[in-house]
PDB file of N, CA and C in Angstrom:
ATOM      1  N   MET A   1      24.588  11.242 -29.381  1.00  0.00           N
ATOM      2  CA  MET A   1      23.255  11.264 -28.821  1.00  0.00           C
ATOM      3  C   MET A   1      22.919  12.724 -28.521  1.00  0.00           C
ATOM      4  N   GLY A   2      21.941  13.237 -29.223  1.00  0.00           N
ATOM      5  CA  GLY A   2      21.582  14.630 -29.057  1.00  0.00           C
ATOM      6  C   GLY A   2      20.511  14.843 -28.005  1.00  0.00           C
ATOM      7  N   GLN A   3      20.313  16.085 -27.686  1.00  0.00           N
ATOM      8  CA  GLN A   3      19.313  16.430 -26.678  1.00  0.00           C
ATOM      9  C   GLN A   3      17.903  16.091 -27.147  1.00  0.00           C
ATOM     10  N   SER A   4      17.641  16.255 -28.431  1.00  0.00           N
ATOM     11  CA  SER A   4      16.290  15.973 -28.931  1.00  0.00           C
ATOM     12  C   SER A   4      15.958  14.495 -28.816  1.00  0.00           C
ATOM     13  N   LEU A   5      16.942  13.621 -29.033  1.00  0.00           N
ATOM     14  CA  LEU A   5      16.710  12.189 -28.898  1.00  0.00           C
ATOM     15  C   LEU A   5      16.414  11.815 -27.446  1.00  0.00           C
ATOM     16  N   ILE A   6      17.174  12.404 -26.533  1.00  0.00           N
ATOM     17  CA  ILE A   6      16.944  12.134 -25.110  1.00  0.00           C
ATOM     18  C   ILE A   6      15.579  12.649 -24.682  1.00  0.00           C
ATOM     19  N   LEU A   7      15.199  13.817 -25.154  1.00  0.00           N
ATOM     20  CA  LEU A   7      13.884  14.364 -24.814  1.00  0.00           C
ATOM     21  C   LEU A   7      12.758  13.526 -25.413  1.00  0.00           C
ATOM     22  N   ASP A   8      12.957  13.003 -26.613  1.00  0.00           N
ATOM     23  CA  ASP A   8      11.946  12.130 -27.219  1.00  0.00           C
ATOM     24  C   ASP A   8      11.781  10.838 -26.427  1.00  0.00           C
ATOM     25  N   ILE A   9      12.878  10.261 -25.995  1.00  0.00           N
ATOM     26  CA  ILE A   9      12.814   9.037 -25.192  1.00  0.00           C
ATOM     27  C   ILE A   9      12.127   9.316 -23.856  1.00  0.00           C
ATOM     28  N   ALA A  10      12.466  10.428 -23.219  1.00  0.00           N
ATOM     29  CA  ALA A  10      11.843  10.790 -21.946  1.00  0.00           C
ATOM     30  C   ALA A  10      10.352  11.042 -22.126  1.00  0.00           C
ATOM     31  N   LYS A  11       9.977  11.711 -23.223  1.00  0.00           N
ATOM     32  CA  LYS A  11       8.566  11.980 -23.492  1.00  0.00           C
ATOM     33  C   LYS A  11       7.806  10.679 -23.699  1.00  0.00           C
ATOM     34  N   ASP A  12       8.371   9.765 -24.473  1.00  0.00           N
ATOM     35  CA  ASP A  12       7.725   8.477 -24.699  1.00  0.00           C
ATOM     36  C   ASP A  12       7.613   7.674 -23.406  1.00  0.00           C
ATOM     37  N   ALA A  13       8.642   7.735 -22.569  1.00  0.00           N
ATOM     38  CA  ALA A  13       8.604   7.004 -21.299  1.00  0.00           C
ATOM     39  C   ALA A  13       7.526   7.563 -20.380  1.00  0.00           C
ATOM     40  N   LEU A  14       7.432   8.865 -20.266  1.00  0.00           N
ATOM     41  CA  LEU A  14       6.402   9.468 -19.416  1.00  0.00           C
ATOM     42  C   LEU A  14       5.005   9.184 -19.947  1.00  0.00           C
ATOM     43  N   PHE A  15       4.833   9.254 -21.262  1.00  0.00           N
ATOM     44  CA  PHE A  15       3.530   8.950 -21.863  1.00  0.00           C
ATOM     45  C   PHE A  15       3.146   7.498 -21.602  1.00  0.00           C
ATOM     46  N   THR A  16       4.109   6.590 -21.708  1.00  0.00           N
ATOM     47  CA  THR A  16       3.843   5.177 -21.441  1.00  0.00           C
ATOM     48  C   THR A  16       3.466   4.957 -19.982  1.00  0.00           C
ATOM     49  N   ILE A  17       4.151   5.623 -19.077  1.00  0.00           N
ATOM     50  CA  ILE A  17       3.834   5.497 -17.648  1.00  0.00           C
ATOM     51  C   ILE A  17       2.426   5.989 -17.368  1.00  0.00           C
ATOM     52  N   ILE A  18       2.053   7.104 -17.962  1.00  0.00           N
ATOM     53  CA  ILE A  18       0.714   7.660 -17.742  1.00  0.00           C
ATOM     54  C   ILE A  18      -0.350   6.726 -18.289  1.00  0.00           C
ATOM     55  N   ILE A  19      -0.142   6.218 -19.497  1.00  0.00           N
ATOM     56  CA  ILE A  19      -1.122   5.332 -20.117  1.00  0.00           C
ATOM     57  C   ILE A  19      -1.268   4.031 -19.323  1.00  0.00           C
ATOM     58  N   VAL A  20      -0.171   3.478 -18.876  1.00  0.00           N
ATOM     59  CA  VAL A  20      -0.220   2.199 -18.157  1.00  0.00           C
ATOM     60  C   VAL A  20      -0.845   2.354 -16.778  1.00  0.00           C
ATOM     61  N   SER A  21      -0.615   3.469 -16.115  1.00  0.00           N
ATOM     62  CA  SER A  21      -1.135   3.627 -14.756  1.00  0.00           C
ATOM     63  C   SER A  21      -2.577   4.124 -14.693  1.00  0.00           C
ATOM     64  N   MET A  22      -3.121   4.588 -15.823  1.00  0.00           N
ATOM     65  CA  MET A  22      -4.467   5.146 -15.807  1.00  0.00           C
ATOM     66  C   MET A  22      -5.566   4.183 -15.341  1.00  0.00           C
ATOM     67  N   PRO A  23      -5.620   2.943 -15.796  1.00  0.00           N
ATOM     68  CA  PRO A  23      -6.708   2.071 -15.317  1.00  0.00           C
ATOM     69  C   PRO A  23      -6.689   1.866 -13.806  1.00  0.00           C
ATOM     70  N   MET A  24      -5.506   1.679 -13.236  1.00  0.00           N
ATOM     71  CA  MET A  24      -5.420   1.460 -11.792  1.00  0.00           C
ATOM     72  C   MET A  24      -5.789   2.723 -11.017  1.00  0.00           C
ATOM     73  N   LEU A  25      -5.255   3.853 -11.449  1.00  0.00           N
ATOM     74  CA  LEU A  25      -5.541   5.103 -10.758  1.00  0.00           C
ATOM     75  C   LEU A  25      -6.996   5.511 -10.912  1.00  0.00           C
ATOM     76  N   GLY A  26      -7.556   5.291 -12.107  1.00  0.00           N
ATOM     77  CA  GLY A  26      -8.951   5.653 -12.337  1.00  0.00           C
ATOM     78  C   GLY A  26      -9.903   4.841 -11.475  1.00  0.00           C
ATOM     79  N   LEU A  27      -9.697   3.526 -11.403  1.00  0.00           N
ATOM     80  CA  LEU A  27     -10.558   2.708 -10.563  1.00  0.00           C
ATOM     81  C   LEU A  27     -10.383   3.026  -9.083  1.00  0.00           C
ATOM     82  N   ALA A  28      -9.162   3.277  -8.654  1.00  0.00           N
ATOM     83  CA  ALA A  28      -8.937   3.647  -7.254  1.00  0.00           C
ATOM     84  C   ALA A  28      -9.621   4.977  -6.933  1.00  0.00           C
ATOM     85  N   LEU A  29      -9.590   5.912  -7.883  1.00  0.00           N
ATOM     86  CA  LEU A  29     -10.261   7.192  -7.681  1.00  0.00           C
ATOM     87  C   LEU A  29     -11.767   7.017  -7.571  1.00  0.00           C
ATOM     88  N   LEU A  30     -12.348   6.215  -8.457  1.00  0.00           N
ATOM     89  CA  LEU A  30     -13.795   5.987  -8.409  1.00  0.00           C
ATOM     90  C   LEU A  30     -14.217   5.279  -7.123  1.00  0.00           C
ATOM     91  N   VAL A  31     -13.468   4.272  -6.718  1.00  0.00           N
ATOM     92  CA  VAL A  31     -13.796   3.555  -5.487  1.00  0.00           C
ATOM     93  C   VAL A  31     -13.645   4.477  -4.279  1.00  0.00           C
ATOM     94  N   GLY A  32     -12.608   5.303  -4.263  1.00  0.00           N
ATOM     95  CA  GLY A  32     -12.435   6.251  -3.164  1.00  0.00           C
ATOM     96  C   GLY A  32     -13.567   7.250  -3.091  1.00  0.00           C
ATOM     97  N   LEU A  33     -14.048   7.696  -4.247  1.00  0.00           N
ATOM     98  CA  LEU A  33     -15.174   8.623  -4.276  1.00  0.00           C
ATOM     99  C   LEU A  33     -16.448   7.972  -3.748  1.00  0.00           C
ATOM    100  N   VAL A  34     -16.706   6.733  -4.174  1.00  0.00           N
ATOM    101  CA  VAL A  34     -17.897   6.023  -3.697  1.00  0.00           C
ATOM    102  C   VAL A  34     -17.817   5.786  -2.195  1.00  0.00           C
ATOM    103  N   VAL A  35     -16.668   5.373  -1.709  1.00  0.00           N
ATOM    104  CA  VAL A  35     -16.519   5.118  -0.271  1.00  0.00           C
ATOM    105  C   VAL A  35     -16.649   6.412   0.522  1.00  0.00           C
ATOM    106  N   SER A  36     -16.106   7.510   0.019  1.00  0.00           N
ATOM    107  CA  SER A  36     -16.226   8.774   0.753  1.00  0.00           C
ATOM    108  C   SER A  36     -17.665   9.280   0.760  1.00  0.00           C
ATOM    109  N   ILE A  37     -18.401   9.068  -0.335  1.00  0.00           N
ATOM    110  CA  ILE A  37     -19.825   9.432  -0.333  1.00  0.00           C
ATOM    111  C   ILE A  37     -20.590   8.556   0.653  1.00  0.00           C
ATOM    112  N   PHE A  38     -20.255   7.264   0.683  1.00  0.00           N
ATOM    113  CA  PHE A  38     -20.882   6.366   1.655  1.00  0.00           C
ATOM    114  C   PHE A  38     -20.574   6.796   3.090  1.00  0.00           C
ATOM    115  N   GLN A  39     -19.326   7.176   3.354  1.00  0.00           N
ATOM    116  CA  GLN A  39     -18.956   7.620   4.693  1.00  0.00           C
ATOM    117  C   GLN A  39     -19.661   8.921   5.057  1.00  0.00           C
ATOM    118  N   ALA A  40     -19.837   9.812   4.098  1.00  0.00           N
ATOM    119  CA  ALA A  40     -20.489  11.077   4.387  1.00  0.00           C
ATOM    120  C   ALA A  40     -21.975  10.890   4.658  1.00  0.00           C
ATOM    121  N   THR A  41     -22.605   9.976   3.941  1.00  0.00           N
ATOM    122  CA  THR A  41     -24.040   9.786   4.144  1.00  0.00           C
ATOM    123  C   THR A  41     -24.348   8.997   5.404  1.00  0.00           C
ATOM    124  N   THR A  42     -23.488   8.058   5.770  1.00  0.00           N
ATOM    125  CA  THR A  42     -23.740   7.259   6.968  1.00  0.00           C
ATOM    126  C   THR A  42     -23.033   7.802   8.202  1.00  0.00           C
ATOM    127  N   GLN A  43     -22.205   8.791   8.035  1.00  0.00           N
ATOM    128  CA  GLN A  43     -21.424   9.409   9.107  1.00  0.00           C
ATOM    129  C   GLN A  43     -20.512   8.402   9.811  1.00  0.00           C
ATOM    130  N   ILE A  44     -20.052   7.422   9.064  1.00  0.00           N
ATOM    131  CA  ILE A  44     -19.037   6.490   9.565  1.00  0.00           C
ATOM    132  C   ILE A  44     -17.694   7.073   9.168  1.00  0.00           C
ATOM    133  N   GLN A  45     -16.914   7.499  10.120  1.00  0.00           N
ATOM    134  CA  GLN A  45     -15.639   8.153   9.830  1.00  0.00           C
ATOM    135  C   GLN A  45     -14.472   7.254  10.232  1.00  0.00           C
ATOM    136  N   GLU A  46     -14.447   6.074   9.667  1.00  0.00           N
ATOM    137  CA  GLU A  46     -13.366   5.132   9.923  1.00  0.00           C
ATOM    138  C   GLU A  46     -12.299   5.326   8.842  1.00  0.00           C
ATOM    139  N   PRO A  47     -11.091   5.751   9.219  1.00  0.00           N
ATOM    140  CA  PRO A  47     -10.067   6.031   8.195  1.00  0.00           C
ATOM    141  C   PRO A  47      -9.571   4.792   7.458  1.00  0.00           C
ATOM    142  N   THR A  48      -9.663   3.618   8.075  1.00  0.00           N
ATOM    143  CA  THR A  48      -9.169   2.411   7.417  1.00  0.00           C
ATOM    144  C   THR A  48     -10.188   1.821   6.455  1.00  0.00           C
ATOM    145  N   LEU A  49     -11.392   2.356   6.416  1.00  0.00           N
ATOM    146  CA  LEU A  49     -12.438   1.822   5.549  1.00  0.00           C
ATOM    147  C   LEU A  49     -12.124   2.031   4.070  1.00  0.00           C
ATOM    148  N   THR A  50     -11.331   3.012   3.744  1.00  0.00           N
ATOM    149  CA  THR A  50     -11.058   3.298   2.341  1.00  0.00           C
ATOM    150  C   THR A  50      -9.949   2.429   1.753  1.00  0.00           C
ATOM    151  N   PHE A  51      -9.093   1.849   2.587  1.00  0.00           N
ATOM    152  CA  PHE A  51      -7.926   1.135   2.063  1.00  0.00           C
ATOM    153  C   PHE A  51      -8.275  -0.185   1.389  1.00  0.00           C
ATOM    154  N   ILE A  52      -9.083  -1.005   2.009  1.00  0.00           N
ATOM    155  CA  ILE A  52      -9.385  -2.335   1.469  1.00  0.00           C
ATOM    156  C   ILE A  52     -10.108  -2.244   0.124  1.00  0.00           C
ATOM    157  N   PRO A  53     -11.166  -1.424  -0.023  1.00  0.00           N
ATOM    158  CA  PRO A  53     -11.794  -1.343  -1.354  1.00  0.00           C
ATOM    159  C   PRO A  53     -10.855  -0.803  -2.434  1.00  0.00           C
ATOM    160  N   LYS A  54      -9.997   0.140  -2.086  1.00  0.00           N
ATOM    161  CA  LYS A  54      -9.048   0.656  -3.077  1.00  0.00           C
ATOM    162  C   LYS A  54      -8.038  -0.411  -3.479  1.00  0.00           C
ATOM    163  N   ILE A  55      -7.542  -1.173  -2.523  1.00  0.00           N
ATOM    164  CA  ILE A  55      -6.588  -2.242  -2.822  1.00  0.00           C
ATOM    165  C   ILE A  55      -7.241  -3.290  -3.716  1.00  0.00           C
ATOM    166  N   LEU A  56      -8.492  -3.636  -3.413  1.00  0.00           N
ATOM    167  CA  LEU A  56      -9.197  -4.612  -4.239  1.00  0.00           C
ATOM    168  C   LEU A  56      -9.461  -4.065  -5.642  1.00  0.00           C
ATOM    169  N   ALA A  57      -9.764  -2.775  -5.755  1.00  0.00           N
ATOM    170  CA  ALA A  57      -9.998  -2.170  -7.062  1.00  0.00           C
ATOM    171  C   ALA A  57      -8.720  -2.163  -7.902  1.00  0.00           C
ATOM    172  N   VAL A  58      -7.594  -1.855  -7.285  1.00  0.00           N
ATOM    173  CA  VAL A  58      -6.321  -1.857  -8.016  1.00  0.00           C
ATOM    174  C   VAL A  58      -5.955  -3.281  -8.422  1.00  0.00           C
ATOM    175  N   LEU A  59      -6.180  -4.246  -7.553  1.00  0.00           N
ATOM    176  CA  LEU A  59      -5.924  -5.643  -7.895  1.00  0.00           C
ATOM    177  C   LEU A  59      -6.814  -6.082  -9.054  1.00  0.00           C
ATOM    178  N   PHE A  60      -8.081  -5.689  -9.021  1.00  0.00           N
ATOM    179  CA  PHE A  60      -8.997  -5.998 -10.117  1.00  0.00           C
ATOM    180  C   PHE A  60      -8.525  -5.361 -11.421  1.00  0.00           C
ATOM    181  N   ALA A  61      -8.062  -4.116 -11.347  1.00  0.00           N
ATOM    182  CA  ALA A  61      -7.572  -3.429 -12.551  1.00  0.00           C
ATOM    183  C   ALA A  61      -6.342  -4.124 -13.109  1.00  0.00           C
ATOM    184  N   VAL A  62      -5.462  -4.593 -12.243  1.00  0.00           N
ATOM    185  CA  VAL A  62      -4.264  -5.302 -12.719  1.00  0.00           C
ATOM    186  C   VAL A  62      -4.658  -6.619 -13.371  1.00  0.00           C
ATOM    187  N   LEU A  63      -5.630  -7.313 -12.804  1.00  0.00           N
ATOM    188  CA  LEU A  63      -6.064  -8.580 -13.392  1.00  0.00           C
ATOM    189  C   LEU A  63      -6.763  -8.377 -14.733  1.00  0.00           C
ATOM    190  N   VAL A  64      -7.587  -7.350 -14.827  1.00  0.00           N
ATOM    191  CA  VAL A  64      -8.347  -7.130 -16.057  1.00  0.00           C
ATOM    192  C   VAL A  64      -7.489  -6.481 -17.144  1.00  0.00           C
ATOM    193  N   PHE A  65      -6.760  -5.427 -16.773  1.00  0.00           N
ATOM    194  CA  PHE A  65      -5.993  -4.663 -17.749  1.00  0.00           C
ATOM    195  C   PHE A  65      -4.533  -5.100 -17.838  1.00  0.00           C
ATOM    196  N   GLY A  66      -4.133  -6.127 -17.103  1.00  0.00           N
ATOM    197  CA  GLY A  66      -2.740  -6.562 -17.079  1.00  0.00           C
ATOM    198  C   GLY A  66      -2.160  -6.911 -18.439  1.00  0.00           C
ATOM    199  N   PRO A  67      -2.852  -7.736 -19.234  1.00  0.00           N
ATOM    200  CA  PRO A  67      -2.287  -8.058 -20.561  1.00  0.00           C
ATOM    201  C   PRO A  67      -2.134  -6.822 -21.455  1.00  0.00           C
ATOM    202  N   TRP A  68      -3.104  -5.921 -21.399  1.00  0.00           N
ATOM    203  CA  TRP A  68      -3.007  -4.698 -22.192  1.00  0.00           C
ATOM    204  C   TRP A  68      -1.838  -3.829 -21.726  1.00  0.00           C
ATOM    205  N   MET A  69      -1.680  -3.694 -20.406  1.00  0.00           N
ATOM    206  CA  MET A  69      -0.575  -2.900 -19.875  1.00  0.00           C
ATOM    207  C   MET A  69       0.769  -3.530 -20.251  1.00  0.00           C
ATOM    208  N   LEU A  70       0.838  -4.855 -20.199  1.00  0.00           N
ATOM    209  CA  LEU A  70       2.077  -5.541 -20.572  1.00  0.00           C
ATOM    210  C   LEU A  70       2.406  -5.322 -22.046  1.00  0.00           C
ATOM    211  N   ASN A  71       1.391  -5.343 -22.906  1.00  0.00           N
ATOM    212  CA  ASN A  71       1.634  -5.089 -24.325  1.00  0.00           C
ATOM    213  C   ASN A  71       2.145  -3.671 -24.565  1.00  0.00           C
ATOM    214  N   ILE A  72       1.613  -2.698 -23.844  1.00  0.00           N
ATOM    215  CA  ILE A  72       2.075  -1.309 -23.978  1.00  0.00           C
ATOM    216  C   ILE A  72       3.543  -1.203 -23.559  1.00  0.00           C
ATOM    217  N   ILE A  73       3.898  -1.841 -22.451  1.00  0.00           N
ATOM    218  CA  ILE A  73       5.279  -1.785 -21.958  1.00  0.00           C
ATOM    219  C   ILE A  73       6.223  -2.517 -22.913  1.00  0.00           C
ATOM    220  N   ILE A  74       5.782  -3.656 -23.441  1.00  0.00           N
ATOM    221  CA  ILE A  74       6.618  -4.394 -24.386  1.00  0.00           C
ATOM    222  C   ILE A  74       6.827  -3.588 -25.660  1.00  0.00           C
ATOM    223  N   ASP A  75       5.781  -2.942 -26.171  1.00  0.00           N
ATOM    224  CA  ASP A  75       5.932  -2.106 -27.367  1.00  0.00           C
ATOM    225  C   ASP A  75       6.921  -0.972 -27.138  1.00  0.00           C
ATOM    226  N   PHE A  76       6.847  -0.337 -25.969  1.00  0.00           N
ATOM    227  CA  PHE A  76       7.798   0.736 -25.646  1.00  0.00           C
ATOM    228  C   PHE A  76       9.218   0.196 -25.593  1.00  0.00           C
ATOM    229  N   THR A  77       9.396  -0.965 -24.969  1.00  0.00           N
ATOM    230  CA  THR A  77      10.725  -1.551 -24.848  1.00  0.00           C
ATOM    231  C   THR A  77      11.295  -1.935 -26.209  1.00  0.00           C
ATOM    232  N   VAL A  78      10.465  -2.494 -27.069  1.00  0.00           N
ATOM    233  CA  VAL A  78      10.926  -2.865 -28.407  1.00  0.00           C
ATOM    234  C   VAL A  78      11.326  -1.617 -29.184  1.00  0.00           C
ATOM    235  N   ARG A  79      10.515  -0.544 -29.097  1.00  0.00           N
ATOM    236  CA  ARG A  79      10.877   0.709 -29.772  1.00  0.00           C
ATOM    237  C   ARG A  79      12.183   1.277 -29.223  1.00  0.00           C
ATOM    238  N   LEU A  80      12.349   1.197 -27.898  1.00  0.00           N
ATOM    239  CA  LEU A  80      13.563   1.726 -27.269  1.00  0.00           C
ATOM    240  C   LEU A  80      14.791   0.931 -27.703  1.00  0.00           C
ATOM    241  N   PHE A  81      14.700  -0.408 -27.659  1.00  0.00           N
ATOM    242  CA  PHE A  81      15.833  -1.229 -28.081  1.00  0.00           C
ATOM    243  C   PHE A  81      16.091  -1.106 -29.580  1.00  0.00           C
ATOM    244  N   GLY A  82      15.035  -0.895 -30.358  1.00  0.00           N
ATOM    245  CA  GLY A  82      15.205  -0.716 -31.792  1.00  0.00           C
ATOM    246  C   GLY A  82      15.894   0.582 -32.152  1.00  0.00           C
ATOM    247  N   SER A  83      15.793   1.576 -31.273  1.00  0.00           N
ATOM    248  CA  SER A  83      16.423   2.860 -31.557  1.00  0.00           C
ATOM    249  C   SER A  83      17.854   2.947 -31.027  1.00  0.00           C
ATOM    250  N   ILE A  84      18.366   1.875 -30.456  1.00  0.00           N
ATOM    251  CA  ILE A  84      19.733   1.895 -29.927  1.00  0.00           C
ATOM    252  C   ILE A  84      20.748   2.100 -31.050  1.00  0.00           C
ATOM    253  N   ASN A  85      20.474   1.521 -32.218  1.00  0.00           N
ATOM    254  CA  ASN A  85      21.447   1.656 -33.295  1.00  0.00           C
ATOM    255  C   ASN A  85      21.504   3.088 -33.842  1.00  0.00           C
ATOM    256  N   SER A  86      20.521   3.929 -33.500  1.00  0.00           N
ATOM    257  CA  SER A  86      20.583   5.323 -33.972  1.00  0.00           C
ATOM    258  C   SER A  86      21.339   6.225 -32.999  1.00  0.00           C
ATOM    259  N   PHE A  87      21.749   5.685 -31.856  1.00  0.00           N
ATOM    260  CA  PHE A  87      22.510   6.476 -30.899  1.00  0.00           C
ATOM    261  C   PHE A  87      23.922   6.709 -31.440  1.00  0.00           C
ATOM    262  N   VAL A  88      24.382   7.920 -31.384  1.00  0.00           N
ATOM    263  CA  VAL A  88      25.743   8.245 -31.810  1.00  0.00           C
ATOM    264  C   VAL A  88      26.503   8.702 -30.576  1.00  0.00           C
ATOM    265  N   PHE A  89      27.570   7.989 -30.265  1.00  0.00           N
ATOM    266  CA  PHE A  89      28.319   8.340 -29.050  1.00  0.00           C
ATOM    267  C   PHE A  89      29.456   9.236 -29.376  1.00  0.00           C
TER     268      PHE A  89
END
C-alpha cells in the first residue's frame, strides 16, 4: 500500500464528506442569516431564537436530501471495498 493510494482514499473521503454535508450546512447558513437579519431589524436579541429554526432546517435537509446523500455514501463505500484487492501489504 503506497502513499499515493492512501492519499487518494483520503482525498475521496474528504470530498465525499464535503459533498454530503453541503445541503445541511447550506440550509443552516441561510436560515441563520435570515434569523439574524430578523433579529437585527426587530432588535430582538434572544440567543436561543436561532437554534430551533436551524435544527428544523437541518432536519428538513436530511429528509429531502437523505436518499441522495445515502447514494453518495454507498457509492464511496462500494468504490472503497472494490479497491481492497489492489492493496499490497
